[in-house]
Amino acid sequence: MLHVKKNDTVKVLSGKERGNEGKVLRVNPKTNRAVVENLNFMKRHTRPNPQRNIRGGVVEREGSINVSNLKVVCPECSAPTRVSQVFLADGRKVRQCKKCNATLDK
């Protein structure tokens, strides 16, 4: 289980996007990578396809970032924090902020 989930706000710790924050769009647990909104743009050369209404050319889109370079930003204390996992009284397993002990999962 990864510490990053879809729709989390994360801060990048290292790499060319260090210090930037963004929302997680997709997570791939098999490769330990996540795609963050408006970060790590890469160029893709596409061929035109009239059947799918795709124009050819160079397209920029977000590339993936390794989750070890991401830290979750707590919505309560708005600080980048480590994540711990705790069991609630009803038996659910939720992620918790290490700084303010707020639950990250709703």
N, C-alpha and C. Protein backbone atom coordinates (compact mmCIF):
# COMPACT_ATOMS: atom_id res chain seq x y z
N MET A 1 0.84 -1.18 0.00
CA MET A 1 0.00 0.00 0.00
C MET A 1 0.89 1.24 0.00
N LEU A 2 0.59 2.17 -0.90
CA LEU A 2 1.38 3.39 -1.01
C LEU A 2 0.84 4.47 -0.08
N HIS A 3 1.68 5.43 0.27
CA HIS A 3 1.25 6.53 1.12
C HIS A 3 0.55 7.63 0.33
N VAL A 4 0.56 7.53 -0.99
CA VAL A 4 -0.05 8.53 -1.86
C VAL A 4 -1.27 7.91 -2.54
N LYS A 5 -2.37 8.67 -2.57
CA LYS A 5 -3.58 8.22 -3.25
C LYS A 5 -4.05 9.28 -4.23
N LYS A 6 -4.98 8.91 -5.09
CA LYS A 6 -5.54 9.83 -6.06
C LYS A 6 -6.24 10.98 -5.33
N ASN A 7 -6.13 12.18 -5.86
CA ASN A 7 -6.72 13.43 -5.34
C ASN A 7 -6.00 13.96 -4.10
N ASP A 8 -4.87 13.36 -3.68
CA ASP A 8 -4.07 13.93 -2.60
C ASP A 8 -3.31 15.14 -3.12
N THR A 9 -3.07 16.11 -2.24
CA THR A 9 -2.16 17.20 -2.56
C THR A 9 -0.78 16.79 -2.07
N VAL A 10 0.21 16.86 -2.96
CA VAL A 10 1.55 16.41 -2.60
C VAL A 10 2.57 17.50 -2.90
N LYS A 11 3.71 17.40 -2.23
CA LYS A 11 4.85 18.29 -2.46
C LYS A 11 5.99 17.45 -2.97
N VAL A 12 6.70 17.94 -4.00
CA VAL A 12 7.82 17.19 -4.59
C VAL A 12 9.07 17.50 -3.79
N LEU A 13 9.79 16.43 -3.40
CA LEU A 13 10.98 16.57 -2.55
C LEU A 13 12.27 16.70 -3.34
N SER A 14 12.36 16.05 -4.51
CA SER A 14 13.61 16.11 -5.26
C SER A 14 13.32 16.04 -6.74
N GLY A 15 14.34 16.40 -7.53
CA GLY A 15 14.19 16.41 -8.97
C GLY A 15 14.02 17.82 -9.49
N LYS A 16 13.71 17.94 -10.78
CA LYS A 16 13.61 19.27 -11.38
C LYS A 16 12.38 20.04 -10.91
N GLU A 17 11.39 19.35 -10.35
CA GLU A 17 10.16 19.98 -9.86
C GLU A 17 10.17 20.16 -8.34
N ARG A 18 11.35 20.11 -7.71
CA ARG A 18 11.46 20.17 -6.26
C ARG A 18 10.81 21.44 -5.70
N GLY A 19 9.99 21.26 -4.64
CA GLY A 19 9.35 22.39 -3.98
C GLY A 19 7.96 22.70 -4.49
N ASN A 20 7.58 22.14 -5.63
CA ASN A 20 6.26 22.42 -6.19
C ASN A 20 5.20 21.51 -5.59
N GLU A 21 3.97 22.00 -5.57
CA GLU A 21 2.85 21.22 -5.06
C GLU A 21 1.84 20.98 -6.17
N GLY A 22 1.11 19.89 -6.06
CA GLY A 22 0.08 19.59 -7.05
C GLY A 22 -0.82 18.48 -6.57
N LYS A 23 -1.87 18.23 -7.35
CA LYS A 23 -2.85 17.20 -7.02
C LYS A 23 -2.51 15.93 -7.79
N VAL A 24 -2.61 14.78 -7.15
CA VAL A 24 -2.30 13.50 -7.79
C VAL A 24 -3.46 13.11 -8.71
N LEU A 25 -3.14 12.86 -9.97
CA LEU A 25 -4.15 12.45 -10.95
C LEU A 25 -4.29 10.94 -11.04
N ARG A 26 -3.14 10.24 -11.05
CA ARG A 26 -3.15 8.77 -11.16
C ARG A 26 -2.01 8.22 -10.32
N VAL A 27 -2.20 7.00 -9.82
CA VAL A 27 -1.15 6.29 -9.07
C VAL A 27 -1.01 4.91 -9.67
N ASN A 28 0.25 4.48 -9.91
CA ASN A 28 0.52 3.15 -10.40
C ASN A 28 1.33 2.41 -9.34
N PRO A 29 0.67 1.58 -8.50
CA PRO A 29 1.40 0.91 -7.43
C PRO A 29 2.38 -0.14 -7.91
N LYS A 30 2.19 -0.66 -9.12
CA LYS A 30 3.10 -1.67 -9.64
C LYS A 30 4.49 -1.09 -9.90
N THR A 31 4.54 0.15 -10.40
CA THR A 31 5.82 0.79 -10.70
C THR A 31 6.21 1.84 -9.67
N ASN A 32 5.40 2.03 -8.62
CA ASN A 32 5.65 3.04 -7.58
C ASN A 32 5.75 4.45 -8.15
N ARG A 33 4.87 4.79 -9.07
CA ARG A 33 4.91 6.11 -9.69
C ARG A 33 3.55 6.76 -9.63
N ALA A 34 3.55 8.10 -9.64
CA ALA A 34 2.30 8.87 -9.61
C ALA A 34 2.40 10.01 -10.61
N VAL A 35 1.27 10.38 -11.19
CA VAL A 35 1.19 11.51 -12.11
C VAL A 35 0.57 12.67 -11.33
N VAL A 36 1.28 13.80 -11.28
CA VAL A 36 0.84 14.96 -10.52
C VAL A 36 0.43 16.06 -11.50
N GLU A 37 -0.67 16.73 -11.19
CA GLU A 37 -1.24 17.75 -12.07
C GLU A 37 -0.27 18.92 -12.26
N ASN A 38 -0.04 19.30 -13.52
CA ASN A 38 0.78 20.44 -13.93
C ASN A 38 2.24 20.35 -13.49
N LEU A 39 2.77 19.13 -13.32
CA LEU A 39 4.18 18.95 -12.97
C LEU A 39 4.82 17.92 -13.88
N ASN A 40 6.12 18.05 -14.11
CA ASN A 40 6.93 17.08 -14.86
C ASN A 40 6.40 16.87 -16.28
N PHE A 41 6.25 17.98 -17.02
CA PHE A 41 5.74 17.88 -18.39
C PHE A 41 6.74 17.20 -19.30
N MET A 42 6.24 16.38 -20.22
CA MET A 42 7.06 15.73 -21.23
C MET A 42 6.40 15.92 -22.58
N LYS A 43 7.21 15.90 -23.63
CA LYS A 43 6.69 16.08 -24.98
C LYS A 43 6.43 14.73 -25.63
N ARG A 44 5.32 14.62 -26.32
CA ARG A 44 4.92 13.38 -26.99
C ARG A 44 4.63 13.74 -28.44
N HIS A 45 5.27 13.06 -29.38
CA HIS A 45 5.00 13.27 -30.80
C HIS A 45 3.88 12.34 -31.22
N THR A 46 2.79 12.92 -31.73
CA THR A 46 1.63 12.10 -32.08
C THR A 46 1.36 12.18 -33.57
N ARG A 47 0.88 11.09 -34.11
CA ARG A 47 0.51 11.01 -35.52
C ARG A 47 -0.98 11.37 -35.64
N PRO A 48 -1.36 12.10 -36.68
CA PRO A 48 -2.78 12.45 -36.82
C PRO A 48 -3.65 11.22 -37.09
N ASN A 49 -4.83 11.21 -36.49
CA ASN A 49 -5.78 10.13 -36.67
C ASN A 49 -7.17 10.74 -36.85
N PRO A 50 -7.63 10.88 -38.10
CA PRO A 50 -8.92 11.54 -38.33
C PRO A 50 -10.11 10.78 -37.75
N GLN A 51 -10.00 9.45 -37.64
CA GLN A 51 -11.12 8.68 -37.10
C GLN A 51 -11.40 9.03 -35.63
N ARG A 52 -10.34 9.26 -34.86
CA ARG A 52 -10.50 9.61 -33.45
C ARG A 52 -10.47 11.12 -33.23
N ASN A 53 -10.42 11.88 -34.32
CA ASN A 53 -10.40 13.34 -34.26
C ASN A 53 -9.17 13.85 -33.50
N ILE A 54 -8.00 13.22 -33.77
CA ILE A 54 -6.74 13.62 -33.14
C ILE A 54 -5.88 14.33 -34.16
N ARG A 55 -5.44 15.54 -33.81
CA ARG A 55 -4.54 16.27 -34.69
C ARG A 55 -3.11 15.86 -34.35
N GLY A 56 -2.27 15.80 -35.35
CA GLY A 56 -0.88 15.41 -35.14
C GLY A 56 -0.06 16.57 -34.61
N GLY A 57 1.16 16.27 -34.17
CA GLY A 57 2.07 17.30 -33.69
C GLY A 57 2.68 16.92 -32.35
N VAL A 58 3.26 17.91 -31.72
CA VAL A 58 3.91 17.69 -30.43
C VAL A 58 2.92 18.06 -29.33
N VAL A 59 2.66 17.10 -28.43
CA VAL A 59 1.71 17.30 -27.34
C VAL A 59 2.48 17.25 -26.03
N GLU A 60 2.20 18.19 -25.14
CA GLU A 60 2.82 18.18 -23.81
C GLU A 60 1.82 17.62 -22.82
N ARG A 61 2.29 16.68 -21.98
CA ARG A 61 1.44 16.15 -20.93
C ARG A 61 2.29 15.79 -19.73
N GLU A 62 1.63 15.51 -18.60
CA GLU A 62 2.35 15.23 -17.36
C GLU A 62 3.00 13.86 -17.42
N GLY A 63 4.23 13.79 -16.95
CA GLY A 63 4.92 12.52 -16.81
C GLY A 63 4.80 12.04 -15.37
N SER A 64 5.22 10.81 -15.13
CA SER A 64 5.08 10.26 -13.79
C SER A 64 6.31 10.60 -12.93
N ILE A 65 6.09 10.60 -11.62
CA ILE A 65 7.14 10.88 -10.64
C ILE A 65 7.15 9.71 -9.66
N ASN A 66 8.32 9.29 -9.22
CA ASN A 66 8.41 8.22 -8.24
C ASN A 66 7.80 8.68 -6.91
N VAL A 67 7.02 7.82 -6.26
CA VAL A 67 6.32 8.22 -5.04
C VAL A 67 7.28 8.46 -3.88
N SER A 68 8.52 7.97 -3.97
CA SER A 68 9.48 8.24 -2.91
C SER A 68 9.91 9.71 -2.92
N ASN A 69 9.65 10.42 -4.01
CA ASN A 69 9.99 11.83 -4.11
C ASN A 69 8.80 12.73 -3.77
N LEU A 70 7.71 12.15 -3.27
CA LEU A 70 6.51 12.92 -2.95
C LEU A 70 6.20 12.82 -1.47
N LYS A 71 5.69 13.92 -0.90
CA LYS A 71 5.25 13.95 0.48
C LYS A 71 3.83 14.50 0.50
N VAL A 72 2.94 13.85 1.24
CA VAL A 72 1.54 14.26 1.29
C VAL A 72 1.42 15.54 2.11
N VAL A 73 0.62 16.50 1.60
CA VAL A 73 0.35 17.74 2.33
C VAL A 73 -0.95 17.54 3.11
N CYS A 74 -0.87 17.70 4.42
CA CYS A 74 -2.03 17.50 5.29
C CYS A 74 -3.05 18.61 5.07
N PRO A 75 -4.34 18.29 4.89
CA PRO A 75 -5.34 19.34 4.69
C PRO A 75 -5.63 20.13 5.97
N GLU A 76 -5.36 19.55 7.14
CA GLU A 76 -5.63 20.25 8.41
C GLU A 76 -4.53 21.26 8.73
N CYS A 77 -3.27 20.81 8.78
CA CYS A 77 -2.17 21.70 9.16
C CYS A 77 -1.44 22.29 7.95
N SER A 78 -1.84 21.89 6.75
CA SER A 78 -1.28 22.36 5.47
C SER A 78 0.25 22.32 5.44
N ALA A 79 0.81 21.25 6.00
CA ALA A 79 2.26 21.06 5.99
C ALA A 79 2.57 19.71 5.37
N PRO A 80 3.69 19.59 4.62
CA PRO A 80 4.08 18.29 4.10
C PRO A 80 4.45 17.37 5.26
N THR A 81 3.91 16.18 5.25
CA THR A 81 4.08 15.32 6.41
C THR A 81 4.25 13.87 6.00
N ARG A 82 4.80 13.08 6.92
CA ARG A 82 4.83 11.64 6.73
C ARG A 82 3.46 11.10 7.08
N VAL A 83 3.20 9.87 6.65
CA VAL A 83 1.88 9.28 6.83
C VAL A 83 2.02 8.02 7.66
N SER A 84 1.17 7.89 8.68
CA SER A 84 1.09 6.64 9.43
C SER A 84 -0.27 6.02 9.17
N GLN A 85 -0.37 4.72 9.42
CA GLN A 85 -1.63 4.02 9.21
C GLN A 85 -2.14 3.52 10.55
N VAL A 86 -3.41 3.84 10.85
CA VAL A 86 -4.00 3.44 12.12
C VAL A 86 -5.35 2.79 11.86
N PHE A 87 -5.79 1.99 12.81
CA PHE A 87 -7.11 1.37 12.75
C PHE A 87 -8.06 2.18 13.61
N LEU A 88 -9.24 2.50 13.07
CA LEU A 88 -10.25 3.21 13.84
C LEU A 88 -11.05 2.21 14.67
N ALA A 89 -11.94 2.74 15.50
CA ALA A 89 -12.75 1.89 16.37
C ALA A 89 -13.67 0.96 15.58
N ASP A 90 -14.12 1.41 14.40
CA ASP A 90 -15.00 0.57 13.59
C ASP A 90 -14.24 -0.43 12.74
N GLY A 91 -12.91 -0.48 12.87
CA GLY A 91 -12.10 -1.47 12.16
C GLY A 91 -11.52 -1.00 10.84
N ARG A 92 -11.82 0.24 10.44
CA ARG A 92 -11.26 0.74 9.19
C ARG A 92 -9.80 1.12 9.37
N LYS A 93 -9.01 0.95 8.31
CA LYS A 93 -7.60 1.34 8.32
C LYS A 93 -7.50 2.65 7.55
N VAL A 94 -7.03 3.71 8.20
CA VAL A 94 -6.95 5.03 7.57
C VAL A 94 -5.54 5.57 7.70
N ARG A 95 -5.22 6.54 6.84
CA ARG A 95 -3.93 7.22 6.91
C ARG A 95 -4.05 8.41 7.85
N GLN A 96 -2.98 8.69 8.58
CA GLN A 96 -3.00 9.74 9.58
C GLN A 96 -1.76 10.62 9.44
N CYS A 97 -1.93 11.92 9.66
CA CYS A 97 -0.82 12.88 9.61
C CYS A 97 0.06 12.68 10.83
N LYS A 98 1.38 12.64 10.64
CA LYS A 98 2.31 12.44 11.75
C LYS A 98 2.48 13.71 12.58
N LYS A 99 2.14 14.89 12.01
CA LYS A 99 2.35 16.15 12.74
C LYS A 99 1.16 16.52 13.62
N CYS A 100 -0.07 16.43 13.06
CA CYS A 100 -1.24 16.87 13.82
C CYS A 100 -2.22 15.75 14.14
N ASN A 101 -1.90 14.50 13.73
CA ASN A 101 -2.74 13.33 13.97
C ASN A 101 -4.14 13.42 13.35
N ALA A 102 -4.29 14.21 12.31
CA ALA A 102 -5.56 14.29 11.59
C ALA A 102 -5.64 13.15 10.58
N THR A 103 -6.84 12.63 10.34
CA THR A 103 -6.98 11.57 9.36
C THR A 103 -7.00 12.16 7.97
N LEU A 104 -6.29 11.52 7.05
CA LEU A 104 -6.21 11.99 5.66
C LEU A 104 -7.31 11.41 4.81
N ASP A 105 -7.86 10.25 5.21
CA ASP A 105 -8.92 9.60 4.45
C ASP A 105 -10.26 9.98 5.08
N LYS A 106 -11.23 10.23 4.23
CA LYS A 106 -12.56 10.60 4.72
C LYS A 106 -13.46 9.40 4.73
